[in-house]
């Protein structure tokens, strides 16, 4: 489940890296770990342009975006 995994990023590349980690863990475990909501804490709106966001969204993951002043 993603609900307990905070994601603190400052660039789209960092978010893509986090998503790759989530996908990798899903592949090596049971294959059903991706569900729920990924809470993304970010400082710049460009983070939302990460190329792998649609991959998780297509698997039913909801992104909760939390803009903060600094990480």
PDB file of N, CA and C in Angstrom:
ATOM      1  N   UNK A   1       0.836  -1.190   0.000  1.00  0.00           N
ATOM      2  CA  UNK A   1       0.000   0.000   0.000  1.00  0.00           C
ATOM      3  C   UNK A   1       0.872   1.241   0.000  1.00  0.00           C
ATOM      4  N   UNK A   2       0.441   2.250  -0.697  1.00  0.00           N
ATOM      5  CA  UNK A   2       1.209   3.479  -0.807  1.00  0.00           C
ATOM      6  C   UNK A   2       0.858   4.497   0.266  1.00  0.00           C
ATOM      7  N   UNK A   3      -0.255   4.301   0.953  1.00  0.00           N
ATOM      8  CA  UNK A   3      -0.702   5.309   1.911  1.00  0.00           C
ATOM      9  C   UNK A   3       0.335   5.634   2.976  1.00  0.00           C
ATOM     10  N   UNK A   4       1.189   4.686   3.299  1.00  0.00           N
ATOM     11  CA  UNK A   4       2.154   4.917   4.364  1.00  0.00           C
ATOM     12  C   UNK A   4       3.506   5.376   3.837  1.00  0.00           C
ATOM     13  N   UNK A   5       3.614   5.606   2.535  1.00  0.00           N
ATOM     14  CA  UNK A   5       4.894   5.987   1.949  1.00  0.00           C
ATOM     15  C   UNK A   5       4.853   7.447   1.514  1.00  0.00           C
ATOM     16  N   UNK A   6       5.492   8.340   2.288  1.00  0.00           N
ATOM     17  CA  UNK A   6       5.559   9.730   1.837  1.00  0.00           C
ATOM     18  C   UNK A   6       6.584   9.857   0.722  1.00  0.00           C
ATOM     19  N   UNK A   7       6.352  10.759  -0.164  1.00  0.00           N
ATOM     20  CA  UNK A   7       7.233  10.972  -1.297  1.00  0.00           C
ATOM     21  C   UNK A   7       7.612  12.449  -1.315  1.00  0.00           C
ATOM     22  N   UNK A   8       8.836  12.753  -0.904  1.00  0.00           N
ATOM     23  CA  UNK A   8       9.321  14.130  -0.847  1.00  0.00           C
ATOM     24  C   UNK A   8      10.248  14.368  -2.027  1.00  0.00           C
ATOM     25  N   UNK A   9       9.827  15.209  -2.972  1.00  0.00           N
ATOM     26  CA  UNK A   9      10.606  15.430  -4.181  1.00  0.00           C
ATOM     27  C   UNK A   9      10.654  16.904  -4.553  1.00  0.00           C
ATOM     28  N   UNK A  10      11.702  17.263  -5.294  1.00  0.00           N
ATOM     29  CA  UNK A  10      11.833  18.647  -5.754  1.00  0.00           C
ATOM     30  C   UNK A  10      11.881  18.749  -7.272  1.00  0.00           C
ATOM     31  N   UNK A  11      12.032  17.615  -7.976  1.00  0.00           N
ATOM     32  CA  UNK A  11      12.088  17.628  -9.437  1.00  0.00           C
ATOM     33  C   UNK A  11      11.257  16.480 -10.007  1.00  0.00           C
ATOM     34  N   UNK A  12      10.828  16.618 -11.270  1.00  0.00           N
ATOM     35  CA  UNK A  12      10.124  15.513 -11.916  1.00  0.00           C
ATOM     36  C   UNK A  12      10.980  14.242 -11.967  1.00  0.00           C
ATOM     37  N   UNK A  13      12.272  14.409 -12.138  1.00  0.00           N
ATOM     38  CA  UNK A  13      13.168  13.259 -12.200  1.00  0.00           C
ATOM     39  C   UNK A  13      13.197  12.499 -10.880  1.00  0.00           C
ATOM     40  N   UNK A  14      13.152  13.228  -9.775  1.00  0.00           N
ATOM     41  CA  UNK A  14      13.104  12.565  -8.467  1.00  0.00           C
ATOM     42  C   UNK A  14      11.803  11.779  -8.308  1.00  0.00           C
ATOM     43  N   UNK A  15      10.694  12.346  -8.758  1.00  0.00           N
ATOM     44  CA  UNK A  15       9.423  11.638  -8.662  1.00  0.00           C
ATOM     45  C   UNK A  15       9.444  10.394  -9.535  1.00  0.00           C
ATOM     46  N   UNK A  16       9.979  10.504 -10.752  1.00  0.00           N
ATOM     47  CA  UNK A  16      10.097   9.330 -11.616  1.00  0.00           C
ATOM     48  C   UNK A  16      10.946   8.249 -10.943  1.00  0.00           C
ATOM     49  N   UNK A  17      11.994   8.644 -10.265  1.00  0.00           N
ATOM     50  CA  UNK A  17      12.846   7.688  -9.555  1.00  0.00           C
ATOM     51  C   UNK A  17      12.072   6.982  -8.444  1.00  0.00           C
ATOM     52  N   UNK A  18      11.287   7.748  -7.695  1.00  0.00           N
ATOM     53  CA  UNK A  18      10.453   7.159  -6.640  1.00  0.00           C
ATOM     54  C   UNK A  18       9.434   6.176  -7.234  1.00  0.00           C
ATOM     55  N   UNK A  19       8.839   6.556  -8.353  1.00  0.00           N
ATOM     56  CA  UNK A  19       7.849   5.689  -8.998  1.00  0.00           C
ATOM     57  C   UNK A  19       8.524   4.411  -9.497  1.00  0.00           C
ATOM     58  N   UNK A  20       9.725   4.539 -10.062  1.00  0.00           N
ATOM     59  CA  UNK A  20      10.458   3.342 -10.491  1.00  0.00           C
ATOM     60  C   UNK A  20      10.716   2.414  -9.313  1.00  0.00           C
ATOM     61  N   UNK A  21      11.073   2.982  -8.159  1.00  0.00           N
ATOM     62  CA  UNK A  21      11.289   2.167  -6.950  1.00  0.00           C
ATOM     63  C   UNK A  21      10.006   1.433  -6.557  1.00  0.00           C
ATOM     64  N   UNK A  22       8.884   2.123  -6.619  1.00  0.00           N
ATOM     65  CA  UNK A  22       7.597   1.514  -6.270  1.00  0.00           C
ATOM     66  C   UNK A  22       7.286   0.373  -7.238  1.00  0.00           C
ATOM     67  N   UNK A  23       7.492   0.612  -8.524  1.00  0.00           N
ATOM     68  CA  UNK A  23       7.218  -0.423  -9.522  1.00  0.00           C
ATOM     69  C   UNK A  23       8.147  -1.618  -9.337  1.00  0.00           C
ATOM     70  N   UNK A  24       9.413  -1.365  -9.019  1.00  0.00           N
ATOM     71  CA  UNK A  24      10.367  -2.451  -8.788  1.00  0.00           C
ATOM     72  C   UNK A  24       9.938  -3.290  -7.591  1.00  0.00           C
ATOM     73  N   UNK A  25       9.604  -2.633  -6.491  1.00  0.00           N
ATOM     74  CA  UNK A  25       9.165  -3.365  -5.302  1.00  0.00           C
ATOM     75  C   UNK A  25       7.914  -4.177  -5.588  1.00  0.00           C
ATOM     76  N   UNK A  26       7.031  -3.629  -6.383  1.00  0.00           N
ATOM     77  CA  UNK A  26       5.817  -4.362  -6.744  1.00  0.00           C
ATOM     78  C   UNK A  26       6.168  -5.624  -7.539  1.00  0.00           C
ATOM     79  N   UNK A  27       7.147  -5.512  -8.424  1.00  0.00           N
ATOM     80  CA  UNK A  27       7.541  -6.659  -9.255  1.00  0.00           C
ATOM     81  C   UNK A  27       8.213  -7.762  -8.445  1.00  0.00           C
ATOM     82  N   UNK A  28       9.015  -7.412  -7.441  1.00  0.00           N
ATOM     83  CA  UNK A  28       9.747  -8.433  -6.686  1.00  0.00           C
ATOM     84  C   UNK A  28       8.937  -8.985  -5.523  1.00  0.00           C
ATOM     85  N   UNK A  29       7.839  -8.338  -5.184  1.00  0.00           N
ATOM     86  CA  UNK A  29       6.998  -8.849  -4.103  1.00  0.00           C
ATOM     87  C   UNK A  29       5.803  -9.571  -4.686  1.00  0.00           C
ATOM     88  N   UNK A  30       4.664  -9.395  -4.144  1.00  0.00           N
ATOM     89  CA  UNK A  30       3.476 -10.144  -4.559  1.00  0.00           C
ATOM     90  C   UNK A  30       2.854  -9.656  -5.854  1.00  0.00           C
ATOM     91  N   UNK A  31       3.217  -8.457  -6.268  1.00  0.00           N
ATOM     92  CA  UNK A  31       2.619  -7.928  -7.483  1.00  0.00           C
ATOM     93  C   UNK A  31       1.319  -7.196  -7.260  1.00  0.00           C
ATOM     94  N   UNK A  32       0.939  -6.987  -5.994  1.00  0.00           N
ATOM     95  CA  UNK A  32      -0.301  -6.256  -5.725  1.00  0.00           C
ATOM     96  C   UNK A  32      -0.080  -5.149  -4.702  1.00  0.00           C
ATOM     97  N   UNK A  33       1.134  -4.655  -4.646  1.00  0.00           N
ATOM     98  CA  UNK A  33       1.467  -3.629  -3.655  1.00  0.00           C
ATOM     99  C   UNK A  33       1.028  -2.227  -4.080  1.00  0.00           C
ATOM    100  N   UNK A  34       0.745  -2.061  -5.355  1.00  0.00           N
ATOM    101  CA  UNK A  34       0.406  -0.727  -5.841  1.00  0.00           C
ATOM    102  C   UNK A  34      -1.102  -0.534  -5.742  1.00  0.00           C
ATOM    103  N   UNK A  35      -1.503   0.241  -4.769  1.00  0.00           N
ATOM    104  CA  UNK A  35      -2.905   0.602  -4.611  1.00  0.00           C
ATOM    105  C   UNK A  35      -2.974   1.762  -3.638  1.00  0.00           C
ATOM    106  N   UNK A  36      -4.080   2.442  -3.634  1.00  0.00           N
ATOM    107  CA  UNK A  36      -4.262   3.527  -2.681  1.00  0.00           C
ATOM    108  C   UNK A  36      -3.805   4.867  -3.212  1.00  0.00           C
ATOM    109  N   UNK A  37      -3.230   5.642  -2.323  1.00  0.00           N
ATOM    110  CA  UNK A  37      -2.853   7.017  -2.624  1.00  0.00           C
ATOM    111  C   UNK A  37      -1.377   7.229  -2.367  1.00  0.00           C
ATOM    112  N   UNK A  38      -0.712   7.887  -3.302  1.00  0.00           N
ATOM    113  CA  UNK A  38       0.675   8.286  -3.108  1.00  0.00           C
ATOM    114  C   UNK A  38       0.671   9.763  -2.737  1.00  0.00           C
ATOM    115  N   UNK A  39       1.136  10.065  -1.544  1.00  0.00           N
ATOM    116  CA  UNK A  39       1.199  11.445  -1.073  1.00  0.00           C
ATOM    117  C   UNK A  39       2.528  12.044  -1.495  1.00  0.00           C
ATOM    118  N   UNK A  40       2.460  13.022  -2.400  1.00  0.00           N
ATOM    119  CA  UNK A  40       3.655  13.649  -2.947  1.00  0.00           C
ATOM    120  C   UNK A  40       3.796  15.051  -2.351  1.00  0.00           C
ATOM    121  N   UNK A  41       4.890  15.267  -1.653  1.00  0.00           N
ATOM    122  CA  UNK A  41       5.213  16.576  -1.081  1.00  0.00           C
ATOM    123  C   UNK A  41       6.255  17.210  -1.978  1.00  0.00           C
ATOM    124  N   UNK A  42       5.961  18.389  -2.496  1.00  0.00           N
ATOM    125  CA  UNK A  42       6.827  19.009  -3.496  1.00  0.00           C
ATOM    126  C   UNK A  42       6.892  20.516  -3.282  1.00  0.00           C
ATOM    127  N   UNK A  43       7.904  21.146  -3.897  1.00  0.00           N
ATOM    128  CA  UNK A  43       8.075  22.595  -3.785  1.00  0.00           C
ATOM    129  C   UNK A  43       7.795  23.323  -5.098  1.00  0.00           C
ATOM    130  N   UNK A  44       7.865  22.614  -6.221  1.00  0.00           N
ATOM    131  CA  UNK A  44       7.710  23.226  -7.536  1.00  0.00           C
ATOM    132  C   UNK A  44       6.675  22.435  -8.339  1.00  0.00           C
ATOM    133  N   UNK A  45       5.733  23.142  -8.942  1.00  0.00           N
ATOM    134  CA  UNK A  45       4.662  22.486  -9.705  1.00  0.00           C
ATOM    135  C   UNK A  45       5.165  21.636 -10.870  1.00  0.00           C
ATOM    136  N   UNK A  46       6.388  21.867 -11.322  1.00  0.00           N
ATOM    137  CA  UNK A  46       6.944  21.072 -12.423  1.00  0.00           C
ATOM    138  C   UNK A  46       7.043  19.595 -12.059  1.00  0.00           C
ATOM    139  N   UNK A  47       7.051  19.281 -10.777  1.00  0.00           N
ATOM    140  CA  UNK A  47       7.118  17.887 -10.330  1.00  0.00           C
ATOM    141  C   UNK A  47       5.970  17.082 -10.932  1.00  0.00           C
ATOM    142  N   UNK A  48       4.833  17.718 -11.117  1.00  0.00           N
ATOM    143  CA  UNK A  48       3.652  17.026 -11.638  1.00  0.00           C
ATOM    144  C   UNK A  48       3.835  16.556 -13.080  1.00  0.00           C
ATOM    145  N   UNK A  49       4.878  17.020 -13.754  1.00  0.00           N
ATOM    146  CA  UNK A  49       5.121  16.621 -15.141  1.00  0.00           C
ATOM    147  C   UNK A  49       5.984  15.366 -15.245  1.00  0.00           C
ATOM    148  N   UNK A  50       6.236  14.693 -14.149  1.00  0.00           N
ATOM    149  CA  UNK A  50       7.013  13.454 -14.182  1.00  0.00           C
ATOM    150  C   UNK A  50       6.376  12.482 -15.160  1.00  0.00           C
ATOM    151  N   UNK A  51       7.186  11.849 -15.979  1.00  0.00           N
ATOM    152  CA  UNK A  51       6.669  11.017 -17.066  1.00  0.00           C
ATOM    153  C   UNK A  51       5.999   9.733 -16.596  1.00  0.00           C
ATOM    154  N   UNK A  52       6.322   9.250 -15.395  1.00  0.00           N
ATOM    155  CA  UNK A  52       5.760   7.981 -14.929  1.00  0.00           C
ATOM    156  C   UNK A  52       4.469   8.125 -14.119  1.00  0.00           C
ATOM    157  N   UNK A  53       4.011   9.341 -13.891  1.00  0.00           N
ATOM    158  CA  UNK A  53       2.760   9.547 -13.152  1.00  0.00           C
ATOM    159  C   UNK A  53       1.600   8.788 -13.816  1.00  0.00           C
ATOM    160  N   UNK A  54       1.434   8.883 -15.140  1.00  0.00           N
ATOM    161  CA  UNK A  54       0.321   8.148 -15.773  1.00  0.00           C
ATOM    162  C   UNK A  54       0.403   6.629 -15.598  1.00  0.00           C
ATOM    163  N   UNK A  55       1.606   6.101 -15.437  1.00  0.00           N
ATOM    164  CA  UNK A  55       1.763   4.657 -15.253  1.00  0.00           C
ATOM    165  C   UNK A  55       1.073   4.210 -13.965  1.00  0.00           C
ATOM    166  N   UNK A  56       1.324   4.945 -12.883  1.00  0.00           N
ATOM    167  CA  UNK A  56       0.678   4.591 -11.614  1.00  0.00           C
ATOM    168  C   UNK A  56      -0.811   4.904 -11.650  1.00  0.00           C
ATOM    169  N   UNK A  57      -1.171   6.035 -12.272  1.00  0.00           N
ATOM    170  CA  UNK A  57      -2.587   6.376 -12.361  1.00  0.00           C
ATOM    171  C   UNK A  57      -3.360   5.292 -13.117  1.00  0.00           C
ATOM    172  N   UNK A  58      -2.747   4.714 -14.146  1.00  0.00           N
ATOM    173  CA  UNK A  58      -3.426   3.672 -14.916  1.00  0.00           C
ATOM    174  C   UNK A  58      -3.609   2.399 -14.096  1.00  0.00           C
ATOM    175  N   UNK A  59      -2.858   2.263 -13.017  1.00  0.00           N
ATOM    176  CA  UNK A  59      -2.994   1.093 -12.142  1.00  0.00           C
ATOM    177  C   UNK A  59      -3.889   1.392 -10.945  1.00  0.00           C
ATOM    178  N   UNK A  60      -4.561   2.544 -10.987  1.00  0.00           N
ATOM    179  CA  UNK A  60      -5.534   2.877  -9.957  1.00  0.00           C
ATOM    180  C   UNK A  60      -5.011   3.678  -8.790  1.00  0.00           C
ATOM    181  N   UNK A  61      -3.781   4.160  -8.893  1.00  0.00           N
ATOM    182  CA  UNK A  61      -3.202   4.961  -7.809  1.00  0.00           C
ATOM    183  C   UNK A  61      -3.667   6.399  -7.948  1.00  0.00           C
ATOM    184  N   UNK A  62      -4.082   6.958  -6.827  1.00  0.00           N
ATOM    185  CA  UNK A  62      -4.470   8.363  -6.766  1.00  0.00           C
ATOM    186  C   UNK A  62      -3.284   9.148  -6.226  1.00  0.00           C
ATOM    187  N   UNK A  63      -2.978  10.281  -6.835  1.00  0.00           N
ATOM    188  CA  UNK A  63      -1.903  11.148  -6.363  1.00  0.00           C
ATOM    189  C   UNK A  63      -2.500  12.266  -5.522  1.00  0.00           C
ATOM    190  N   UNK A  64      -2.040  12.391  -4.296  1.00  0.00           N
ATOM    191  CA  UNK A  64      -2.416  13.505  -3.434  1.00  0.00           C
ATOM    192  C   UNK A  64      -1.215  14.459  -3.425  1.00  0.00           C
ATOM    193  N   UNK A  65      -1.388  15.594  -4.045  1.00  0.00           N
ATOM    194  CA  UNK A  65      -0.296  16.557  -4.195  1.00  0.00           C
ATOM    195  C   UNK A  65      -0.323  17.536  -3.030  1.00  0.00           C
ATOM    196  N   UNK A  66       0.817  17.699  -2.366  1.00  0.00           N
ATOM    197  CA  UNK A  66       0.924  18.597  -1.213  1.00  0.00           C
ATOM    198  C   UNK A  66       2.081  19.564  -1.457  1.00  0.00           C
ATOM    199  N   UNK A  67       1.758  20.795  -1.829  1.00  0.00           N
ATOM    200  CA  UNK A  67       2.817  21.791  -2.076  1.00  0.00           C
ATOM    201  C   UNK A  67       3.279  22.364  -0.741  1.00  0.00           C
ATOM    202  N   UNK A  68       4.588  22.345  -0.543  1.00  0.00           N
ATOM    203  CA  UNK A  68       5.190  22.861   0.676  1.00  0.00           C
ATOM    204  C   UNK A  68       6.223  23.916   0.322  1.00  0.00           C
ATOM    205  N   UNK A  69       6.569  24.754   1.268  1.00  0.00           N
ATOM    206  CA  UNK A  69       7.529  25.829   0.980  1.00  0.00           C
ATOM    207  C   UNK A  69       8.961  25.316   0.899  1.00  0.00           C
ATOM    208  N   UNK A  70       9.257  24.271   1.660  1.00  0.00           N
ATOM    209  CA  UNK A  70      10.583  23.656   1.563  1.00  0.00           C
ATOM    210  C   UNK A  70      10.513  22.235   2.092  1.00  0.00           C
ATOM    211  N   UNK A  71      11.450  21.427   1.638  1.00  0.00           N
ATOM    212  CA  UNK A  71      11.488  20.021   2.068  1.00  0.00           C
ATOM    213  C   UNK A  71      12.637  19.807   3.034  1.00  0.00           C
TER     214      UNK A  71
END
